[in-house]
Amino acid sequence: MSTPLTVELTPERCDVECIHPEHVAPLLGRVMDRSGAEVLASTFALLADPTRARIVHAFSLAKELCVCDLALLLGISQPAISHQLRLLRTSRVIARRKVGRIVYYRLADEHIRHVLADELTHAFEHDLPKGMESEA
């Protein structure tokens, strides 16, 4: 297996090896590094699961929901919902609060709501799926 080629990008290299150095030079040092890209990609991968996407969408429509209500709403077993909620919570997509024996879950912050709304707009700008007509 070959190792990836590592090239040091400097303005001098762009002058010699780039087709459009005027486009590349301002970006040097600004593009996220591999570790940042891995964090971003893992968040998108987490949301790429259809069940988790439905859960996050439900939270975008409600202030908070408990496991029982979410299971009923999505037609998924409580253990399956709990498993997905644990993944979303450890990735800081959702947060929780406990009142007695009941745990209520919600989106961790407004950034998640905005990311979801933007992606829904992008994904369905021509054909909204059933039940989403009023959100556009």
N, C-alpha and C. Protein backbone atom coordinates (compact mmCIF):
# COMPACT_ATOMS: atom_id res chain seq x y z
N MET A 1 0.85 -1.17 0.00
CA MET A 1 0.00 0.00 0.00
C MET A 1 0.89 1.24 0.00
N SER A 2 0.59 2.16 -0.84
CA SER A 2 1.43 3.36 -0.93
C SER A 2 1.02 4.37 0.13
N THR A 3 1.98 5.16 0.56
CA THR A 3 1.70 6.21 1.53
C THR A 3 1.33 7.47 0.78
N PRO A 4 0.44 8.28 1.36
CA PRO A 4 0.04 9.51 0.66
C PRO A 4 1.23 10.45 0.52
N LEU A 5 1.28 11.13 -0.59
CA LEU A 5 2.33 12.09 -0.86
C LEU A 5 2.09 13.34 -0.04
N THR A 6 3.08 13.76 0.71
CA THR A 6 2.97 14.98 1.49
C THR A 6 3.77 16.05 0.78
N VAL A 7 3.10 17.14 0.45
CA VAL A 7 3.73 18.24 -0.25
C VAL A 7 3.58 19.49 0.60
N GLU A 8 4.66 20.16 0.86
CA GLU A 8 4.60 21.42 1.60
C GLU A 8 4.15 22.50 0.64
N LEU A 9 3.01 23.12 0.97
CA LEU A 9 2.48 24.18 0.12
C LEU A 9 2.97 25.53 0.64
N THR A 10 3.68 26.20 -0.18
CA THR A 10 4.16 27.54 0.13
C THR A 10 3.82 28.44 -1.05
N PRO A 11 3.79 29.72 -0.85
CA PRO A 11 3.54 30.61 -2.00
C PRO A 11 4.53 30.39 -3.13
N GLU A 12 5.78 30.04 -2.79
CA GLU A 12 6.77 29.81 -3.84
C GLU A 12 6.40 28.61 -4.69
N ARG A 13 5.89 27.54 -4.07
CA ARG A 13 5.48 26.35 -4.83
C ARG A 13 4.34 26.71 -5.78
N CYS A 14 3.41 27.54 -5.29
CA CYS A 14 2.27 27.90 -6.14
C CYS A 14 2.73 28.65 -7.39
N ASP A 15 3.72 29.50 -7.23
CA ASP A 15 4.21 30.24 -8.38
C ASP A 15 4.77 29.29 -9.44
N VAL A 16 5.29 28.15 -9.01
CA VAL A 16 5.93 27.24 -9.93
C VAL A 16 5.00 26.13 -10.39
N GLU A 17 4.19 25.55 -9.49
CA GLU A 17 3.47 24.33 -9.82
C GLU A 17 1.96 24.45 -9.96
N CYS A 18 1.38 25.57 -9.66
CA CYS A 18 -0.08 25.71 -9.73
C CYS A 18 -0.49 26.35 -11.04
N ILE A 19 -1.64 25.95 -11.51
CA ILE A 19 -2.19 26.57 -12.71
C ILE A 19 -2.73 27.94 -12.36
N HIS A 20 -3.34 28.08 -11.18
CA HIS A 20 -3.94 29.35 -10.75
C HIS A 20 -3.42 29.75 -9.38
N PRO A 21 -2.18 30.18 -9.29
CA PRO A 21 -1.63 30.54 -7.97
C PRO A 21 -2.40 31.66 -7.29
N GLU A 22 -3.04 32.52 -8.04
CA GLU A 22 -3.81 33.61 -7.44
C GLU A 22 -5.04 33.09 -6.69
N HIS A 23 -5.49 31.88 -7.04
CA HIS A 23 -6.62 31.26 -6.33
C HIS A 23 -6.13 30.48 -5.11
N VAL A 24 -4.98 29.86 -5.22
CA VAL A 24 -4.47 28.98 -4.17
C VAL A 24 -3.77 29.77 -3.07
N ALA A 25 -2.99 30.77 -3.41
CA ALA A 25 -2.18 31.50 -2.43
C ALA A 25 -3.01 32.04 -1.25
N PRO A 26 -4.19 32.64 -1.48
CA PRO A 26 -4.95 33.15 -0.34
C PRO A 26 -5.49 32.05 0.59
N LEU A 27 -5.51 30.80 0.10
CA LEU A 27 -6.07 29.70 0.89
C LEU A 27 -5.02 28.97 1.73
N LEU A 28 -3.75 29.22 1.44
CA LEU A 28 -2.68 28.54 2.16
C LEU A 28 -2.81 28.81 3.65
N GLY A 29 -2.81 27.74 4.44
CA GLY A 29 -2.92 27.85 5.88
C GLY A 29 -4.33 28.05 6.39
N ARG A 30 -5.31 28.14 5.49
CA ARG A 30 -6.70 28.37 5.91
C ARG A 30 -7.57 27.13 5.78
N VAL A 31 -7.19 26.19 4.92
CA VAL A 31 -7.97 24.97 4.74
C VAL A 31 -7.76 24.10 5.98
N MET A 32 -8.84 23.49 6.47
CA MET A 32 -8.74 22.70 7.70
C MET A 32 -7.74 21.56 7.54
N ASP A 33 -7.10 21.23 8.65
CA ASP A 33 -6.13 20.13 8.63
C ASP A 33 -6.86 18.80 8.70
N ARG A 34 -6.13 17.71 8.60
CA ARG A 34 -6.71 16.37 8.57
C ARG A 34 -7.53 16.09 9.83
N SER A 35 -7.02 16.48 11.00
CA SER A 35 -7.75 16.16 12.23
C SER A 35 -9.07 16.93 12.29
N GLY A 36 -9.07 18.17 11.86
CA GLY A 36 -10.32 18.92 11.80
C GLY A 36 -11.30 18.31 10.82
N ALA A 37 -10.79 17.85 9.70
CA ALA A 37 -11.63 17.21 8.69
C ALA A 37 -12.23 15.91 9.22
N GLU A 38 -11.45 15.18 10.01
CA GLU A 38 -11.96 13.94 10.59
C GLU A 38 -13.10 14.21 11.57
N VAL A 39 -12.97 15.26 12.38
CA VAL A 39 -14.04 15.61 13.32
C VAL A 39 -15.30 16.00 12.54
N LEU A 40 -15.14 16.83 11.53
CA LEU A 40 -16.29 17.26 10.73
C LEU A 40 -16.93 16.06 10.02
N ALA A 41 -16.11 15.21 9.42
CA ALA A 41 -16.62 14.05 8.70
C ALA A 41 -17.35 13.09 9.64
N SER A 42 -16.84 12.93 10.86
CA SER A 42 -17.51 12.01 11.79
C SER A 42 -18.88 12.53 12.18
N THR A 43 -19.02 13.85 12.29
CA THR A 43 -20.34 14.42 12.60
C THR A 43 -21.30 14.18 11.44
N PHE A 44 -20.85 14.42 10.22
CA PHE A 44 -21.71 14.18 9.07
C PHE A 44 -22.02 12.69 8.93
N ALA A 45 -21.05 11.83 9.21
CA ALA A 45 -21.29 10.38 9.14
C ALA A 45 -22.34 9.97 10.16
N LEU A 46 -22.27 10.56 11.33
CA LEU A 46 -23.24 10.27 12.38
C LEU A 46 -24.64 10.62 11.90
N LEU A 47 -24.78 11.75 11.25
CA LEU A 47 -26.09 12.19 10.77
C LEU A 47 -26.51 11.50 9.47
N ALA A 48 -25.61 10.73 8.87
CA ALA A 48 -25.93 10.05 7.62
C ALA A 48 -26.81 8.82 7.83
N ASP A 49 -26.92 8.36 9.05
CA ASP A 49 -27.78 7.21 9.36
C ASP A 49 -29.24 7.68 9.32
N PRO A 50 -30.12 6.98 8.58
CA PRO A 50 -31.50 7.43 8.45
C PRO A 50 -32.25 7.52 9.79
N THR A 51 -32.02 6.59 10.69
CA THR A 51 -32.71 6.65 11.99
C THR A 51 -32.26 7.86 12.78
N ARG A 52 -30.95 8.10 12.82
CA ARG A 52 -30.45 9.27 13.54
C ARG A 52 -30.91 10.55 12.87
N ALA A 53 -30.98 10.56 11.55
CA ALA A 53 -31.47 11.75 10.84
C ALA A 53 -32.92 12.03 11.23
N ARG A 54 -33.74 11.00 11.35
CA ARG A 54 -35.14 11.18 11.75
C ARG A 54 -35.23 11.68 13.19
N ILE A 55 -34.37 11.16 14.05
CA ILE A 55 -34.36 11.60 15.45
C ILE A 55 -33.99 13.08 15.52
N VAL A 56 -32.93 13.46 14.83
CA VAL A 56 -32.50 14.86 14.85
C VAL A 56 -33.58 15.76 14.25
N HIS A 57 -34.21 15.28 13.19
CA HIS A 57 -35.29 16.06 12.59
C HIS A 57 -36.43 16.24 13.59
N ALA A 58 -36.79 15.18 14.30
CA ALA A 58 -37.86 15.29 15.31
C ALA A 58 -37.50 16.34 16.36
N PHE A 59 -36.24 16.34 16.80
CA PHE A 59 -35.82 17.33 17.79
C PHE A 59 -35.81 18.74 17.20
N SER A 60 -35.64 18.85 15.91
CA SER A 60 -35.67 20.19 15.30
C SER A 60 -37.10 20.75 15.28
N LEU A 61 -38.08 19.86 15.41
CA LEU A 61 -39.49 20.27 15.39
C LEU A 61 -40.08 20.45 16.78
N ALA A 62 -39.41 19.90 17.80
CA ALA A 62 -39.92 19.96 19.18
C ALA A 62 -38.83 20.48 20.10
N LYS A 63 -39.23 21.10 21.18
CA LYS A 63 -38.25 21.62 22.14
C LYS A 63 -37.47 20.47 22.77
N GLU A 64 -38.17 19.43 23.21
CA GLU A 64 -37.52 18.25 23.78
C GLU A 64 -38.51 17.10 23.78
N LEU A 65 -37.97 15.88 23.81
CA LEU A 65 -38.78 14.67 23.82
C LEU A 65 -38.13 13.63 24.72
N CYS A 66 -38.95 12.78 25.33
CA CYS A 66 -38.40 11.66 26.09
C CYS A 66 -38.30 10.45 25.16
N VAL A 67 -37.63 9.41 25.62
CA VAL A 67 -37.42 8.21 24.80
C VAL A 67 -38.75 7.59 24.40
N CYS A 68 -39.68 7.49 25.33
CA CYS A 68 -40.98 6.86 25.02
C CYS A 68 -41.73 7.62 23.93
N ASP A 69 -41.75 8.93 24.05
CA ASP A 69 -42.45 9.74 23.04
C ASP A 69 -41.76 9.64 21.68
N LEU A 70 -40.45 9.66 21.68
CA LEU A 70 -39.69 9.56 20.44
C LEU A 70 -39.89 8.19 19.78
N ALA A 71 -39.91 7.13 20.59
CA ALA A 71 -40.13 5.77 20.07
C ALA A 71 -41.50 5.68 19.41
N LEU A 72 -42.52 6.23 20.07
CA LEU A 72 -43.87 6.22 19.50
C LEU A 72 -43.92 7.03 18.21
N LEU A 73 -43.34 8.22 18.25
CA LEU A 73 -43.36 9.13 17.10
C LEU A 73 -42.71 8.50 15.87
N LEU A 74 -41.58 7.82 16.06
CA LEU A 74 -40.83 7.27 14.93
C LEU A 74 -41.14 5.80 14.64
N GLY A 75 -41.91 5.15 15.52
CA GLY A 75 -42.24 3.74 15.30
C GLY A 75 -41.03 2.84 15.45
N ILE A 76 -40.19 3.14 16.41
CA ILE A 76 -38.95 2.39 16.65
C ILE A 76 -38.94 1.98 18.11
N SER A 77 -38.37 0.83 18.42
CA SER A 77 -38.36 0.35 19.80
C SER A 77 -37.58 1.30 20.71
N GLN A 78 -37.95 1.30 21.98
CA GLN A 78 -37.25 2.14 22.95
C GLN A 78 -35.76 1.80 23.07
N PRO A 79 -35.39 0.49 23.09
CA PRO A 79 -33.95 0.20 23.15
C PRO A 79 -33.19 0.71 21.92
N ALA A 80 -33.81 0.63 20.74
CA ALA A 80 -33.15 1.13 19.53
C ALA A 80 -33.00 2.65 19.59
N ILE A 81 -34.03 3.32 20.06
CA ILE A 81 -33.96 4.78 20.22
C ILE A 81 -32.88 5.14 21.22
N SER A 82 -32.85 4.45 22.35
CA SER A 82 -31.85 4.73 23.39
C SER A 82 -30.44 4.57 22.86
N HIS A 83 -30.21 3.54 22.05
CA HIS A 83 -28.88 3.32 21.46
C HIS A 83 -28.49 4.51 20.57
N GLN A 84 -29.40 4.94 19.73
CA GLN A 84 -29.11 6.06 18.82
C GLN A 84 -28.91 7.36 19.61
N LEU A 85 -29.71 7.55 20.65
CA LEU A 85 -29.57 8.75 21.47
C LEU A 85 -28.21 8.79 22.16
N ARG A 86 -27.73 7.63 22.60
CA ARG A 86 -26.41 7.59 23.24
C ARG A 86 -25.32 8.03 22.26
N LEU A 87 -25.41 7.55 21.02
CA LEU A 87 -24.42 7.95 20.00
C LEU A 87 -24.49 9.45 19.74
N LEU A 88 -25.69 9.97 19.62
CA LEU A 88 -25.87 11.40 19.35
C LEU A 88 -25.41 12.25 20.53
N ARG A 89 -25.65 11.76 21.73
CA ARG A 89 -25.26 12.53 22.92
C ARG A 89 -23.75 12.53 23.11
N THR A 90 -23.09 11.40 22.90
CA THR A 90 -21.64 11.37 23.08
C THR A 90 -20.93 12.20 22.01
N SER A 91 -21.60 12.45 20.90
CA SER A 91 -21.04 13.31 19.85
C SER A 91 -21.50 14.75 19.99
N ARG A 92 -22.18 15.07 21.08
CA ARG A 92 -22.63 16.42 21.40
C ARG A 92 -23.63 16.99 20.39
N VAL A 93 -24.39 16.09 19.74
CA VAL A 93 -25.44 16.55 18.84
C VAL A 93 -26.70 16.85 19.64
N ILE A 94 -26.96 16.03 20.66
CA ILE A 94 -28.10 16.25 21.53
C ILE A 94 -27.63 16.36 22.98
N ALA A 95 -28.49 16.92 23.80
CA ALA A 95 -28.23 17.04 25.24
C ALA A 95 -29.43 16.46 25.97
N ARG A 96 -29.29 16.27 27.28
CA ARG A 96 -30.40 15.70 28.05
C ARG A 96 -30.53 16.39 29.40
N ARG A 97 -31.71 16.23 29.94
CA ARG A 97 -31.95 16.66 31.31
C ARG A 97 -32.87 15.63 31.95
N LYS A 98 -32.66 15.38 33.21
CA LYS A 98 -33.42 14.36 33.92
C LYS A 98 -34.37 15.01 34.91
N VAL A 99 -35.63 14.57 34.88
CA VAL A 99 -36.64 15.03 35.81
C VAL A 99 -37.20 13.77 36.46
N GLY A 100 -36.78 13.51 37.68
CA GLY A 100 -37.18 12.26 38.33
C GLY A 100 -36.60 11.08 37.57
N ARG A 101 -37.47 10.19 37.11
CA ARG A 101 -37.00 9.03 36.34
C ARG A 101 -37.05 9.25 34.84
N ILE A 102 -37.56 10.37 34.42
CA ILE A 102 -37.71 10.62 32.98
C ILE A 102 -36.56 11.50 32.49
N VAL A 103 -35.98 11.09 31.36
CA VAL A 103 -34.91 11.86 30.73
C VAL A 103 -35.47 12.50 29.47
N TYR A 104 -35.29 13.80 29.36
CA TYR A 104 -35.73 14.55 28.20
C TYR A 104 -34.51 14.90 27.35
N TYR A 105 -34.62 14.71 26.05
CA TYR A 105 -33.54 15.00 25.12
C TYR A 105 -33.93 16.17 24.24
N ARG A 106 -32.92 16.89 23.77
CA ARG A 106 -33.12 18.05 22.90
C ARG A 106 -31.85 18.23 22.06
N LEU A 107 -31.94 19.07 21.04
CA LEU A 107 -30.73 19.41 20.28
C LEU A 107 -29.76 20.12 21.21
N ALA A 108 -28.49 19.84 21.06
CA ALA A 108 -27.48 20.42 21.95
C ALA A 108 -27.38 21.93 21.79
N ASP A 109 -27.56 22.41 20.56
CA ASP A 109 -27.52 23.86 20.34
C ASP A 109 -28.16 24.19 19.00
N GLU A 110 -28.28 25.45 18.73
CA GLU A 110 -28.94 25.91 17.51
C GLU A 110 -28.13 25.60 16.25
N HIS A 111 -26.83 25.38 16.38
CA HIS A 111 -26.02 25.06 15.20
C HIS A 111 -26.55 23.81 14.50
N ILE A 112 -26.90 22.81 15.29
CA ILE A 112 -27.41 21.56 14.71
C ILE A 112 -28.72 21.82 13.98
N ARG A 113 -29.59 22.60 14.57
CA ARG A 113 -30.86 22.94 13.92
C ARG A 113 -30.61 23.64 12.58
N HIS A 114 -29.65 24.57 12.55
CA HIS A 114 -29.35 25.30 11.31
C HIS A 114 -28.73 24.38 10.25
N VAL A 115 -27.82 23.51 10.68
CA VAL A 115 -27.21 22.57 9.73
C VAL A 115 -28.28 21.68 9.11
N LEU A 116 -29.17 21.16 9.95
CA LEU A 116 -30.25 20.30 9.45
C LEU A 116 -31.16 21.08 8.50
N ALA A 117 -31.56 22.28 8.89
CA ALA A 117 -32.45 23.08 8.04
C ALA A 117 -31.80 23.38 6.69
N ASP A 118 -30.52 23.73 6.71
CA ASP A 118 -29.82 24.02 5.45
C ASP A 118 -29.73 22.78 4.57
N GLU A 119 -29.45 21.63 5.18
CA GLU A 119 -29.34 20.40 4.39
C GLU A 119 -30.70 19.99 3.85
N LEU A 120 -31.74 20.14 4.63
CA LEU A 120 -33.08 19.82 4.13
C LEU A 120 -33.44 20.71 2.95
N THR A 121 -33.13 21.98 3.06
CA THR A 121 -33.38 22.91 1.96
C THR A 121 -32.61 22.49 0.71
N HIS A 122 -31.35 22.15 0.90
CA HIS A 122 -30.52 21.74 -0.23
C HIS A 122 -31.00 20.42 -0.83
N ALA A 123 -31.23 19.42 0.01
CA ALA A 123 -31.58 18.09 -0.47
C ALA A 123 -32.92 18.05 -1.18
N PHE A 124 -33.85 18.89 -0.73
CA PHE A 124 -35.21 18.82 -1.27
C PHE A 124 -35.67 20.12 -1.90
N GLU A 125 -34.74 20.88 -2.48
CA GLU A 125 -35.14 22.17 -3.02
C GLU A 125 -36.12 22.04 -4.17
N HIS A 126 -36.23 20.87 -4.78
CA HIS A 126 -37.18 20.69 -5.87
C HIS A 126 -38.36 19.82 -5.48
N ASP A 127 -38.12 18.80 -4.64
CA ASP A 127 -39.17 17.87 -4.26
C ASP A 127 -39.12 17.62 -2.76
N LEU A 128 -40.02 18.25 -2.02
CA LEU A 128 -40.09 18.04 -0.58
C LEU A 128 -40.77 16.70 -0.29
N PRO A 129 -40.21 15.92 0.64
CA PRO A 129 -40.86 14.66 0.99
C PRO A 129 -42.17 14.91 1.74
N LYS A 130 -43.01 13.89 1.78
CA LYS A 130 -44.31 13.96 2.44
C LYS A 130 -44.15 14.45 3.87
N GLY A 131 -45.00 15.38 4.27
CA GLY A 131 -45.01 15.86 5.64
C GLY A 131 -44.07 17.03 5.89
N MET A 132 -43.29 17.46 4.91
CA MET A 132 -42.34 18.53 5.13
C MET A 132 -42.71 19.80 4.38
N GLU A 133 -43.86 19.79 3.72
CA GLU A 133 -44.23 20.94 2.91
C GLU A 133 -44.31 22.22 3.73
N SER A 134 -44.77 22.14 4.98
CA SER A 134 -44.97 23.34 5.78
C SER A 134 -43.68 23.91 6.34
N GLU A 135 -42.55 23.17 6.26
CA GLU A 135 -41.29 23.64 6.80
C GLU A 135 -40.52 24.52 5.85
N ALA A 136 -40.80 24.43 4.56
CA ALA A 136 -40.01 25.15 3.57
C ALA A 136 -40.21 26.63 3.64
